PDB file of N, CA and C in Angstrom:
ATOM      1  N   MET A   1     -75.880  75.650  50.776  1.00  0.00           N
ATOM      2  CA  MET A   1     -74.790  74.988  50.114  1.00  0.00           C
ATOM      3  C   MET A   1     -73.511  75.788  50.350  1.00  0.00           C
ATOM      4  N   LYS A   2     -72.476  75.127  50.770  1.00  0.00           N
ATOM      5  CA  LYS A   2     -71.222  75.787  51.099  1.00  0.00           C
ATOM      6  C   LYS A   2     -70.377  75.993  49.850  1.00  0.00           C
ATOM      7  N   LYS A   3     -69.854  77.212  49.699  1.00  0.00           N
ATOM      8  CA  LYS A   3     -68.970  77.493  48.572  1.00  0.00           C
ATOM      9  C   LYS A   3     -67.577  76.974  48.882  1.00  0.00           C
ATOM     10  N   THR A   4     -66.969  76.335  47.933  1.00  0.00           N
ATOM     11  CA  THR A   4     -65.601  75.878  48.131  1.00  0.00           C
ATOM     12  C   THR A   4     -64.652  76.889  47.513  1.00  0.00           C
ATOM     13  N   MET A   5     -63.548  77.073  48.176  1.00  0.00           N
ATOM     14  CA  MET A   5     -62.550  78.007  47.685  1.00  0.00           C
ATOM     15  C   MET A   5     -61.673  77.296  46.663  1.00  0.00           C
ATOM     16  N   THR A   6     -61.532  77.878  45.496  1.00  0.00           N
ATOM     17  CA  THR A   6     -60.669  77.307  44.475  1.00  0.00           C
ATOM     18  C   THR A   6     -59.459  78.205  44.309  1.00  0.00           C
ATOM     19  N   PRO A   7     -58.287  77.618  44.148  1.00  0.00           N
ATOM     20  CA  PRO A   7     -57.108  78.452  43.978  1.00  0.00           C
ATOM     21  C   PRO A   7     -57.137  79.181  42.645  1.00  0.00           C
ATOM     22  N   ARG A   8     -56.580  80.369  42.638  1.00  0.00           N
ATOM     23  CA  ARG A   8     -56.530  81.153  41.402  1.00  0.00           C
ATOM     24  C   ARG A   8     -55.444  80.593  40.505  1.00  0.00           C
ATOM     25  N   THR A   9     -55.758  80.436  39.243  1.00  0.00           N
ATOM     26  CA  THR A   9     -54.772  79.925  38.300  1.00  0.00           C
ATOM     27  C   THR A   9     -54.114  81.046  37.516  1.00  0.00           C
ATOM     28  N   THR A  10     -54.749  82.211  37.460  1.00  0.00           N
ATOM     29  CA  THR A  10     -54.167  83.345  36.744  1.00  0.00           C
ATOM     30  C   THR A  10     -53.961  84.499  37.707  1.00  0.00           C
ATOM     31  N   LEU A  11     -52.979  85.288  37.407  1.00  0.00           N
ATOM     32  CA  LEU A  11     -52.693  86.459  38.231  1.00  0.00           C
ATOM     33  C   LEU A  11     -53.353  87.688  37.633  1.00  0.00           C
ATOM     34  N   ALA A  12     -53.519  88.679  38.469  1.00  0.00           N
ATOM     35  CA  ALA A  12     -54.027  89.959  37.986  1.00  0.00           C
ATOM     36  C   ALA A  12     -53.022  90.534  36.985  1.00  0.00           C
ATOM     37  N   PRO A  13     -53.480  91.283  35.989  1.00  0.00           N
ATOM     38  CA  PRO A  13     -52.558  91.811  34.975  1.00  0.00           C
ATOM     39  C   PRO A  13     -51.426  92.659  35.549  1.00  0.00           C
ATOM     40  N   ASP A  14     -51.727  93.441  36.584  1.00  0.00           N
ATOM     41  CA  ASP A  14     -50.683  94.257  37.214  1.00  0.00           C
ATOM     42  C   ASP A  14     -49.598  93.379  37.832  1.00  0.00           C
ATOM     43  N   PHE A  15     -50.033  92.312  38.475  1.00  0.00           N
ATOM     44  CA  PHE A  15     -49.093  91.384  39.100  1.00  0.00           C
ATOM     45  C   PHE A  15     -48.235  90.688  38.053  1.00  0.00           C
ATOM     46  N   ALA A  16     -48.854  90.225  36.990  1.00  0.00           N
ATOM     47  CA  ALA A  16     -48.117  89.485  35.968  1.00  0.00           C
ATOM     48  C   ALA A  16     -47.021  90.351  35.355  1.00  0.00           C
ATOM     49  N   LYS A  17     -47.315  91.618  35.138  1.00  0.00           N
ATOM     50  CA  LYS A  17     -46.328  92.521  34.554  1.00  0.00           C
ATOM     51  C   LYS A  17     -45.148  92.723  35.506  1.00  0.00           C
ATOM     52  N   VAL A  18     -45.438  92.838  36.798  1.00  0.00           N
ATOM     53  CA  VAL A  18     -44.392  93.033  37.792  1.00  0.00           C
ATOM     54  C   VAL A  18     -43.541  91.781  37.948  1.00  0.00           C
ATOM     55  N   LEU A  19     -44.167  90.614  37.941  1.00  0.00           N
ATOM     56  CA  LEU A  19     -43.438  89.375  38.183  1.00  0.00           C
ATOM     57  C   LEU A  19     -42.512  88.995  37.039  1.00  0.00           C
ATOM     58  N   ASN A  20     -42.740  89.492  35.851  1.00  0.00           N
ATOM     59  CA  ASN A  20     -41.881  89.161  34.717  1.00  0.00           C
ATOM     60  C   ASN A  20     -40.500  89.787  34.834  1.00  0.00           C
ATOM     61  N   ARG A  21     -40.376  90.872  35.593  1.00  0.00           N
ATOM     62  CA  ARG A  21     -39.120  91.614  35.631  1.00  0.00           C
ATOM     63  C   ARG A  21     -38.390  91.504  36.961  1.00  0.00           C
ATOM     64  N   LEU A  22     -38.690  90.520  37.759  1.00  0.00           N
ATOM     65  CA  LEU A  22     -38.069  90.416  39.076  1.00  0.00           C
ATOM     66  C   LEU A  22     -36.669  89.834  38.988  1.00  0.00           C
ATOM     67  N   HIS A  23     -35.744  90.404  39.760  1.00  0.00           N
ATOM     68  CA  HIS A  23     -34.395  89.869  39.868  1.00  0.00           C
ATOM     69  C   HIS A  23     -34.232  89.072  41.150  1.00  0.00           C
ATOM     70  N   TYR A  24     -35.125  89.282  42.109  1.00  0.00           N
ATOM     71  CA  TYR A  24     -35.118  88.558  43.374  1.00  0.00           C
ATOM     72  C   TYR A  24     -36.369  87.698  43.436  1.00  0.00           C
ATOM     73  N   LEU A  25     -36.364  86.751  44.356  1.00  0.00           N
ATOM     74  CA  LEU A  25     -37.551  85.924  44.554  1.00  0.00           C
ATOM     75  C   LEU A  25     -38.702  86.781  45.084  1.00  0.00           C
ATOM     76  N   LEU A  26     -39.898  86.436  44.669  1.00  0.00           N
ATOM     77  CA  LEU A  26     -41.071  87.180  45.119  1.00  0.00           C
ATOM     78  C   LEU A  26     -41.218  87.109  46.637  1.00  0.00           C
ATOM     79  N   GLU A  27     -40.854  85.982  47.231  1.00  0.00           N
ATOM     80  CA  GLU A  27     -40.957  85.830  48.684  1.00  0.00           C
ATOM     81  C   GLU A  27     -40.075  86.835  49.411  1.00  0.00           C
ATOM     82  N   VAL A  28     -38.889  87.106  48.870  1.00  0.00           N
ATOM     83  CA  VAL A  28     -37.979  88.076  49.488  1.00  0.00           C
ATOM     84  C   VAL A  28     -38.583  89.475  49.412  1.00  0.00           C
ATOM     85  N   ILE A  29     -39.133  89.827  48.273  1.00  0.00           N
ATOM     86  CA  ILE A  29     -39.739  91.149  48.106  1.00  0.00           C
ATOM     87  C   ILE A  29     -40.940  91.309  49.026  1.00  0.00           C
ATOM     88  N   LEU A  30     -41.790  90.295  49.088  1.00  0.00           N
ATOM     89  CA  LEU A  30     -42.962  90.362  49.964  1.00  0.00           C
ATOM     90  C   LEU A  30     -42.554  90.441  51.427  1.00  0.00           C
ATOM     91  N   LEU A  31     -41.545  89.672  51.807  1.00  0.00           N
ATOM     92  CA  LEU A  31     -41.102  89.673  53.191  1.00  0.00           C
ATOM     93  C   LEU A  31     -40.537  91.029  53.590  1.00  0.00           C
ATOM     94  N   CYS A  32     -39.694  91.605  52.760  1.00  0.00           N
ATOM     95  CA  CYS A  32     -39.130  92.929  53.065  1.00  0.00           C
ATOM     96  C   CYS A  32     -40.230  93.990  53.110  1.00  0.00           C
ATOM     97  N   GLY A  33     -41.142  93.940  52.158  1.00  0.00           N
ATOM     98  CA  GLY A  33     -42.234  94.911  52.147  1.00  0.00           C
ATOM     99  C   GLY A  33     -43.116  94.786  53.366  1.00  0.00           C
ATOM    100  N   ARG A  34     -43.437  93.559  53.740  1.00  0.00           N
ATOM    101  CA  ARG A  34     -44.291  93.337  54.910  1.00  0.00           C
ATOM    102  C   ARG A  34     -43.608  93.800  56.184  1.00  0.00           C
ATOM    103  N   TRP A  35     -42.334  93.444  56.361  1.00  0.00           N
ATOM    104  CA  TRP A  35     -41.614  93.861  57.565  1.00  0.00           C
ATOM    105  C   TRP A  35     -41.483  95.369  57.633  1.00  0.00           C
ATOM    106  N   ASN A  36     -41.242  96.012  56.505  1.00  0.00           N
ATOM    107  CA  ASN A  36     -41.099  97.459  56.495  1.00  0.00           C
ATOM    108  C   ASN A  36     -42.402  98.147  56.857  1.00  0.00           C
ATOM    109  N   VAL A  37     -43.502  97.650  56.348  1.00  0.00           N
ATOM    110  CA  VAL A  37     -44.798  98.282  56.595  1.00  0.00           C
ATOM    111  C   VAL A  37     -45.350  97.907  57.967  1.00  0.00           C
ATOM    112  N   ALA A  38     -45.298  96.625  58.322  1.00  0.00           N
ATOM    113  CA  ALA A  38     -45.936  96.168  59.553  1.00  0.00           C
ATOM    114  C   ALA A  38     -45.151  96.559  60.800  1.00  0.00           C
ATOM    115  N   TYR A  39     -43.842  96.476  60.750  1.00  0.00           N
ATOM    116  CA  TYR A  39     -43.038  96.699  61.945  1.00  0.00           C
ATOM    117  C   TYR A  39     -42.238  97.984  61.896  1.00  0.00           C
ATOM    118  N   SER A  40     -42.386  98.773  60.862  1.00  0.00           N
ATOM    119  CA  SER A  40     -41.696 100.044  60.660  1.00  0.00           C
ATOM    120  C   SER A  40     -40.192  99.936  60.945  1.00  0.00           C
ATOM    121  N   LEU A  41     -39.589  98.917  60.362  1.00  0.00           N
ATOM    122  CA  LEU A  41     -38.145  98.752  60.471  1.00  0.00           C
ATOM    123  C   LEU A  41     -37.459  99.684  59.483  1.00  0.00           C
ATOM    124  N   SER A  42     -36.242 100.075  59.804  1.00  0.00           N
ATOM    125  CA  SER A  42     -35.508 100.907  58.870  1.00  0.00           C
ATOM    126  C   SER A  42     -35.007 100.044  57.718  1.00  0.00           C
ATOM    127  N   LEU A  43     -34.672 100.701  56.630  1.00  0.00           N
ATOM    128  CA  LEU A  43     -34.200  99.972  55.453  1.00  0.00           C
ATOM    129  C   LEU A  43     -32.853  99.312  55.721  1.00  0.00           C
ATOM    130  N   ARG A  44     -32.029  99.929  56.511  1.00  0.00           N
ATOM    131  CA  ARG A  44     -30.740  99.326  56.857  1.00  0.00           C
ATOM    132  C   ARG A  44     -30.930  98.116  57.764  1.00  0.00           C
ATOM    133  N   ASN A  45     -31.917  98.157  58.644  1.00  0.00           N
ATOM    134  CA  ASN A  45     -32.222  96.972  59.453  1.00  0.00           C
ATOM    135  C   ASN A  45     -32.677  95.818  58.562  1.00  0.00           C
ATOM    136  N   LEU A  46     -33.511  96.120  57.576  1.00  0.00           N
ATOM    137  CA  LEU A  46     -33.954  95.078  56.650  1.00  0.00           C
ATOM    138  C   LEU A  46     -32.785  94.516  55.849  1.00  0.00           C
ATOM    139  N   GLU A  47     -31.868  95.372  55.463  1.00  0.00           N
ATOM    140  CA  GLU A  47     -30.676  94.920  54.744  1.00  0.00           C
ATOM    141  C   GLU A  47     -29.879  93.944  55.620  1.00  0.00           C
ATOM    142  N   ASP A  48     -29.707  94.272  56.899  1.00  0.00           N
ATOM    143  CA  ASP A  48     -28.989  93.393  57.819  1.00  0.00           C
ATOM    144  C   ASP A  48     -29.735  92.078  58.042  1.00  0.00           C
ATOM    145  N   MET A  49     -31.054  92.160  58.165  1.00  0.00           N
ATOM    146  CA  MET A  49     -31.843  90.945  58.386  1.00  0.00           C
ATOM    147  C   MET A  49     -31.780  90.008  57.180  1.00  0.00           C
ATOM    148  N   MET A  50     -31.773  90.566  55.986  1.00  0.00           N
ATOM    149  CA  MET A  50     -31.646  89.736  54.791  1.00  0.00           C
ATOM    150  C   MET A  50     -30.232  89.152  54.685  1.00  0.00           C
ATOM    151  N   ALA A  51     -29.225  89.919  55.113  1.00  0.00           N
ATOM    152  CA  ALA A  51     -27.854  89.412  55.096  1.00  0.00           C
ATOM    153  C   ALA A  51     -27.704  88.224  56.047  1.00  0.00           C
ATOM    154  N   GLU A  52     -28.426  88.250  57.179  1.00  0.00           N
ATOM    155  CA  GLU A  52     -28.410  87.109  58.094  1.00  0.00           C
ATOM    156  C   GLU A  52     -28.990  85.853  57.458  1.00  0.00           C
ATOM    157  N   ARG A  53     -29.842  86.039  56.466  1.00  0.00           N
ATOM    158  CA  ARG A  53     -30.455  84.912  55.761  1.00  0.00           C
ATOM    159  C   ARG A  53     -29.734  84.614  54.440  1.00  0.00           C
ATOM    160  N   ASP A  54     -28.518  85.116  54.301  1.00  0.00           N
ATOM    161  CA  ASP A  54     -27.674  84.905  53.112  1.00  0.00           C
ATOM    162  C   ASP A  54     -28.305  85.447  51.838  1.00  0.00           C
ATOM    163  N   ILE A  55     -29.028  86.552  51.956  1.00  0.00           N
ATOM    164  CA  ILE A  55     -29.599  87.225  50.788  1.00  0.00           C
ATOM    165  C   ILE A  55     -28.970  88.610  50.729  1.00  0.00           C
ATOM    166  N   CYS A  56     -28.194  88.845  49.696  1.00  0.00           N
ATOM    167  CA  CYS A  56     -27.488  90.117  49.556  1.00  0.00           C
ATOM    168  C   CYS A  56     -28.398  91.103  48.823  1.00  0.00           C
ATOM    169  N   VAL A  57     -28.914  92.076  49.566  1.00  0.00           N
ATOM    170  CA  VAL A  57     -29.784  93.090  48.988  1.00  0.00           C
ATOM    171  C   VAL A  57     -29.432  94.436  49.618  1.00  0.00           C
ATOM    172  N   ASP A  58     -29.415  95.470  48.818  1.00  0.00           N
ATOM    173  CA  ASP A  58     -29.061  96.800  49.290  1.00  0.00           C
ATOM    174  C   ASP A  58     -30.302  97.506  49.838  1.00  0.00           C
ATOM    175  N   HIS A  59     -30.083  98.436  50.769  1.00  0.00           N
ATOM    176  CA  HIS A  59     -31.215  99.144  51.355  1.00  0.00           C
ATOM    177  C   HIS A  59     -31.943 100.000  50.330  1.00  0.00           C
ATOM    178  N   SER A  60     -31.239 100.512  49.330  1.00  0.00           N
ATOM    179  CA  SER A  60     -31.910 101.313  48.303  1.00  0.00           C
ATOM    180  C   SER A  60     -32.813 100.441  47.424  1.00  0.00           C
ATOM    181  N   THR A  61     -32.439  99.184  47.242  1.00  0.00           N
ATOM    182  CA  THR A  61     -33.294  98.254  46.499  1.00  0.00           C
ATOM    183  C   THR A  61     -34.582  97.987  47.264  1.00  0.00           C
ATOM    184  N   VAL A  62     -34.455  97.791  48.564  1.00  0.00           N
ATOM    185  CA  VAL A  62     -35.653  97.579  49.397  1.00  0.00           C
ATOM    186  C   VAL A  62     -36.541  98.810  49.344  1.00  0.00           C
ATOM    187  N   ARG A  63     -35.938  99.984  49.348  1.00  0.00           N
ATOM    188  CA  ARG A  63     -36.720 101.220  49.255  1.00  0.00           C
ATOM    189  C   ARG A  63     -37.511 101.281  47.954  1.00  0.00           C
ATOM    190  N   ARG A  64     -36.878 100.913  46.848  1.00  0.00           N
ATOM    191  CA  ARG A  64     -37.590 100.903  45.561  1.00  0.00           C
ATOM    192  C   ARG A  64     -38.729  99.887  45.578  1.00  0.00           C
ATOM    193  N   TRP A  65     -38.505  98.729  46.206  1.00  0.00           N
ATOM    194  CA  TRP A  65     -39.578  97.731  46.295  1.00  0.00           C
ATOM    195  C   TRP A  65     -40.769  98.306  47.054  1.00  0.00           C
ATOM    196  N   VAL A  66     -40.481  98.952  48.164  1.00  0.00           N
ATOM    197  CA  VAL A  66     -41.566  99.490  48.993  1.00  0.00           C
ATOM    198  C   VAL A  66     -42.318 100.572  48.242  1.00  0.00           C
ATOM    199  N   ILE A  67     -41.608 101.449  47.564  1.00  0.00           N
ATOM    200  CA  ILE A  67     -42.264 102.554  46.859  1.00  0.00           C
ATOM    201  C   ILE A  67     -43.088 102.043  45.677  1.00  0.00           C
ATOM    202  N   LYS A  68     -42.530 101.109  44.905  1.00  0.00           N
ATOM    203  CA  LYS A  68     -43.193 100.687  43.668  1.00  0.00           C
ATOM    204  C   LYS A  68     -44.189  99.554  43.869  1.00  0.00           C
ATOM    205  N   ARG A  69     -43.851  98.586  44.695  1.00  0.00           N
ATOM    206  CA  ARG A  69     -44.642  97.362  44.697  1.00  0.00           C
ATOM    207  C   ARG A  69     -45.623  97.230  45.851  1.00  0.00           C
ATOM    208  N   VAL A  70     -45.339  97.832  46.986  1.00  0.00           N
ATOM    209  CA  VAL A  70     -46.253  97.702  48.120  1.00  0.00           C
ATOM    210  C   VAL A  70     -47.634  98.278  47.804  1.00  0.00           C
ATOM    211  N   PRO A  71     -47.768  99.453  47.163  1.00  0.00           N
ATOM    212  CA  PRO A  71     -49.120  99.910  46.813  1.00  0.00           C
ATOM    213  C   PRO A  71     -49.841  98.967  45.851  1.00  0.00           C
ATOM    214  N   LEU A  72     -49.098  98.364  44.930  1.00  0.00           N
ATOM    215  CA  LEU A  72     -49.703  97.398  44.014  1.00  0.00           C
ATOM    216  C   LEU A  72     -50.187  96.166  44.763  1.00  0.00           C
ATOM    217  N   PHE A  73     -49.361  95.656  45.689  1.00  0.00           N
ATOM    218  CA  PHE A  73     -49.755  94.493  46.475  1.00  0.00           C
ATOM    219  C   PHE A  73     -50.961  94.821  47.344  1.00  0.00           C
ATOM    220  N   GLU A  74     -50.978  96.014  47.918  1.00  0.00           N
ATOM    221  CA  GLU A  74     -52.097  96.390  48.777  1.00  0.00           C
ATOM    222  C   GLU A  74     -53.404  96.438  47.998  1.00  0.00           C
ATOM    223  N   ARG A  75     -53.381  97.045  46.804  1.00  0.00           N
ATOM    224  CA  ARG A  75     -54.601  97.106  45.991  1.00  0.00           C
ATOM    225  C   ARG A  75     -55.087  95.706  45.637  1.00  0.00           C
ATOM    226  N   THR A  76     -54.159  94.835  45.273  1.00  0.00           N
ATOM    227  CA  THR A  76     -54.547  93.489  44.871  1.00  0.00           C
ATOM    228  C   THR A  76     -55.050  92.680  46.053  1.00  0.00           C
ATOM    229  N   PHE A  77     -54.361  92.765  47.194  1.00  0.00           N
ATOM    230  CA  PHE A  77     -54.773  91.995  48.365  1.00  0.00           C
ATOM    231  C   PHE A  77     -56.087  92.516  48.946  1.00  0.00           C
ATOM    232  N   ARG A  78     -56.306  93.820  48.877  1.00  0.00           N
ATOM    233  CA  ARG A  78     -57.530  94.389  49.437  1.00  0.00           C
ATOM    234  C   ARG A  78     -58.774  93.888  48.709  1.00  0.00           C
ATOM    235  N   LYS A  79     -58.647  93.591  47.417  1.00  0.00           N
ATOM    236  CA  LYS A  79     -59.783  93.070  46.659  1.00  0.00           C
ATOM    237  C   LYS A  79     -60.243  91.721  47.192  1.00  0.00           C
ATOM    238  N   HIS A  80     -59.299  90.945  47.743  1.00  0.00           N
ATOM    239  CA  HIS A  80     -59.611  89.595  48.204  1.00  0.00           C
ATOM    240  C   HIS A  80     -59.789  89.508  49.715  1.00  0.00           C
ATOM    241  N   LYS A  81     -59.695  90.640  50.387  1.00  0.00           N
ATOM    242  CA  LYS A  81     -59.855  90.664  51.827  1.00  0.00           C
ATOM    243  C   LYS A  81     -61.330  90.535  52.184  1.00  0.00           C
ATOM    244  N   ARG A  82     -61.603  89.706  53.161  1.00  0.00           N
ATOM    245  CA  ARG A  82     -62.988  89.538  53.580  1.00  0.00           C
ATOM    246  C   ARG A  82     -63.445  90.763  54.373  1.00  0.00           C
ATOM    247  N   PRO A  83     -64.646  91.231  54.109  1.00  0.00           N
ATOM    248  CA  PRO A  83     -65.122  92.399  54.856  1.00  0.00           C
ATOM    249  C   PRO A  83     -65.476  92.017  56.295  1.00  0.00           C
ATOM    250  N   ALA A  84     -65.411  92.999  57.157  1.00  0.00           N
ATOM    251  CA  ALA A  84     -65.827  92.787  58.532  1.00  0.00           C
ATOM    252  C   ALA A  84     -67.346  92.690  58.579  1.00  0.00           C
ATOM    253  N   GLY A  85     -67.860  92.197  59.663  1.00  0.00           N
ATOM    254  CA  GLY A  85     -69.297  92.064  59.805  1.00  0.00           C
ATOM    255  C   GLY A  85     -70.008  93.404  59.729  1.00  0.00           C
ATOM    256  N   LYS A  86     -71.284  93.370  59.382  1.00  0.00           N
ATOM    257  CA  LYS A  86     -72.036  94.614  59.225  1.00  0.00           C
ATOM    258  C   LYS A  86     -72.542  95.154  60.549  1.00  0.00           C
ATOM    259  N   SER A  87     -72.632  94.300  61.551  1.00  0.00           N
ATOM    260  CA  SER A  87     -73.143  94.776  62.836  1.00  0.00           C
ATOM    261  C   SER A  87     -72.065  94.626  63.905  1.00  0.00           C
ATOM    262  N   TRP A  88     -71.933  95.653  64.694  1.00  0.00           N
ATOM    263  CA  TRP A  88     -71.016  95.655  65.816  1.00  0.00           C
ATOM    264  C   TRP A  88     -71.818  95.937  67.079  1.00  0.00           C
ATOM    265  N   CYS A  89     -71.524  95.209  68.112  1.00  0.00           N
ATOM    266  CA  CYS A  89     -72.178  95.426  69.393  1.00  0.00           C
ATOM    267  C   CYS A  89     -71.127  95.885  70.391  1.00  0.00           C
ATOM    268  N   VAL A  90     -71.449  96.921  71.131  1.00  0.00           N
ATOM    269  CA  VAL A  90     -70.544  97.417  72.154  1.00  0.00           C
ATOM    270  C   VAL A  90     -71.223  97.221  73.495  1.00  0.00           C
ATOM    271  N   ASP A  91     -70.512  96.588  74.388  1.00  0.00           N
ATOM    272  CA  ASP A  91     -71.025  96.320  75.723  1.00  0.00           C
ATOM    273  C   ASP A  91     -70.208  97.150  76.701  1.00  0.00           C
ATOM    274  N   GLU A  92     -70.876  97.808  77.605  1.00  0.00           N
ATOM    275  CA  GLU A  92     -70.155  98.605  78.594  1.00  0.00           C
ATOM    276  C   GLU A  92     -70.743  98.326  79.961  1.00  0.00           C
ATOM    277  N   THR A  93     -69.896  98.369  80.926  1.00  0.00           N
ATOM    278  CA  THR A  93     -70.334  98.140  82.293  1.00  0.00           C
ATOM    279  C   THR A  93     -69.349  98.807  83.239  1.00  0.00           C
ATOM    280  N   TYR A  94     -69.748  98.928  84.500  1.00  0.00           N
ATOM    281  CA  TYR A  94     -68.845  99.408  85.528  1.00  0.00           C
ATOM    282  C   TYR A  94     -68.217  98.207  86.207  1.00  0.00           C
ATOM    283  N   ILE A  95     -66.908  98.314  86.459  1.00  0.00           N
ATOM    284  CA  ILE A  95     -66.243  97.290  87.263  1.00  0.00           C
ATOM    285  C   ILE A  95     -65.371  97.999  88.289  1.00  0.00           C
ATOM    286  N   GLU A  96     -65.095  97.303  89.362  1.00  0.00           N
ATOM    287  CA  GLU A  96     -64.264  97.876  90.414  1.00  0.00           C
ATOM    288  C   GLU A  96     -62.839  97.366  90.255  1.00  0.00           C
ATOM    289  N   VAL A  97     -61.903  98.291  90.076  1.00  0.00           N
ATOM    290  CA  VAL A  97     -60.493  97.952  89.913  1.00  0.00           C
ATOM    291  C   VAL A  97     -59.709  98.656  91.008  1.00  0.00           C
ATOM    292  N   LYS A  98     -59.091  97.879  91.884  1.00  0.00           N
ATOM    293  CA  LYS A  98     -58.285  98.412  92.989  1.00  0.00           C
ATOM    294  C   LYS A  98     -59.054  99.452  93.799  1.00  0.00           C
ATOM    295  N   GLY A  99     -60.309  99.150  94.041  1.00  0.00           N
ATOM    296  CA  GLY A  99     -61.108 100.018  94.900  1.00  0.00           C
ATOM    297  C   GLY A  99     -61.806 101.168  94.214  1.00  0.00           C
ATOM    298  N   SER A 100     -61.554 101.434  92.913  1.00  0.00           N
ATOM    299  CA  SER A 100     -62.246 102.524  92.228  1.00  0.00           C
ATOM    300  C   SER A 100     -63.070 101.955  91.080  1.00  0.00           C
ATOM    301  N   TRP A 101     -64.241 102.561  90.856  1.00  0.00           N
ATOM    302  CA  TRP A 101     -65.136 102.093  89.804  1.00  0.00           C
ATOM    303  C   TRP A 101     -64.764 102.760  88.483  1.00  0.00           C
ATOM    304  N   THR A 102     -64.620 101.931  87.428  1.00  0.00           N
ATOM    305  CA  THR A 102     -64.257 102.437  86.103  1.00  0.00           C
ATOM    306  C   THR A 102     -65.139 101.778  85.053  1.00  0.00           C
ATOM    307  N   PHE A 103     -65.205 102.412  83.873  1.00  0.00           N
ATOM    308  CA  PHE A 103     -65.941 101.832  82.751  1.00  0.00           C
ATOM    309  C   PHE A 103     -65.133 100.703  82.133  1.00  0.00           C
ATOM    310  N   PHE A 104     -65.828  99.689  81.677  1.00  0.00           N
ATOM    311  CA  PHE A 104     -65.206  98.593  80.933  1.00  0.00           C
ATOM    312  C   PHE A 104     -65.981  98.443  79.634  1.00  0.00           C
ATOM    313  N   TYR A 105     -65.294  98.603  78.487  1.00  0.00           N
ATOM    314  CA  TYR A 105     -65.921  98.513  77.186  1.00  0.00           C
ATOM    315  C   TYR A 105     -65.464  97.236  76.484  1.00  0.00           C
ATOM    316  N   ARG A 106     -66.357  96.664  75.686  1.00  0.00           N
ATOM    317  CA  ARG A 106     -66.009  95.491  74.881  1.00  0.00           C
ATOM    318  C   ARG A 106     -66.799  95.569  73.581  1.00  0.00           C
ATOM    319  N   ALA A 107     -66.081  95.443  72.464  1.00  0.00           N
ATOM    320  CA  ALA A 107     -66.729  95.463  71.154  1.00  0.00           C
ATOM    321  C   ALA A 107     -66.716  94.054  70.554  1.00  0.00           C
ATOM    322  N   VAL A 108     -67.857  93.658  69.966  1.00  0.00           N
ATOM    323  CA  VAL A 108     -68.000  92.325  69.407  1.00  0.00           C
ATOM    324  C   VAL A 108     -68.484  92.453  67.978  1.00  0.00           C
ATOM    325  N   ASP A 109     -67.848  91.745  67.079  1.00  0.00           N
ATOM    326  CA  ASP A 109     -68.236  91.743  65.674  1.00  0.00           C
ATOM    327  C   ASP A 109     -69.284  90.670  65.474  1.00  0.00           C
TER     328      ASP A 109
END
């Protein structure tokens, strides 16, 4: 029997406390945090990118978001992240590349 995914109607207590005091939209905070962490952009670059989208935010504000809220988001999102498979298979073989034989590795989940 297949389990159906149901949307969550309540937020985690940590999230609810944070969301009550926001001055900016949650999407803006998540976007700045994600760009800062995933692409290692500078805070001033993020400030400029938000200004291009008509959102006036200071680089020090983005810094506070990253310091305070990104660890909270990571803990909450990690709880709902699907685990990787328990078995990994690694296949290796020799292949000829430009006249020389080299190892070729491939990992499969």
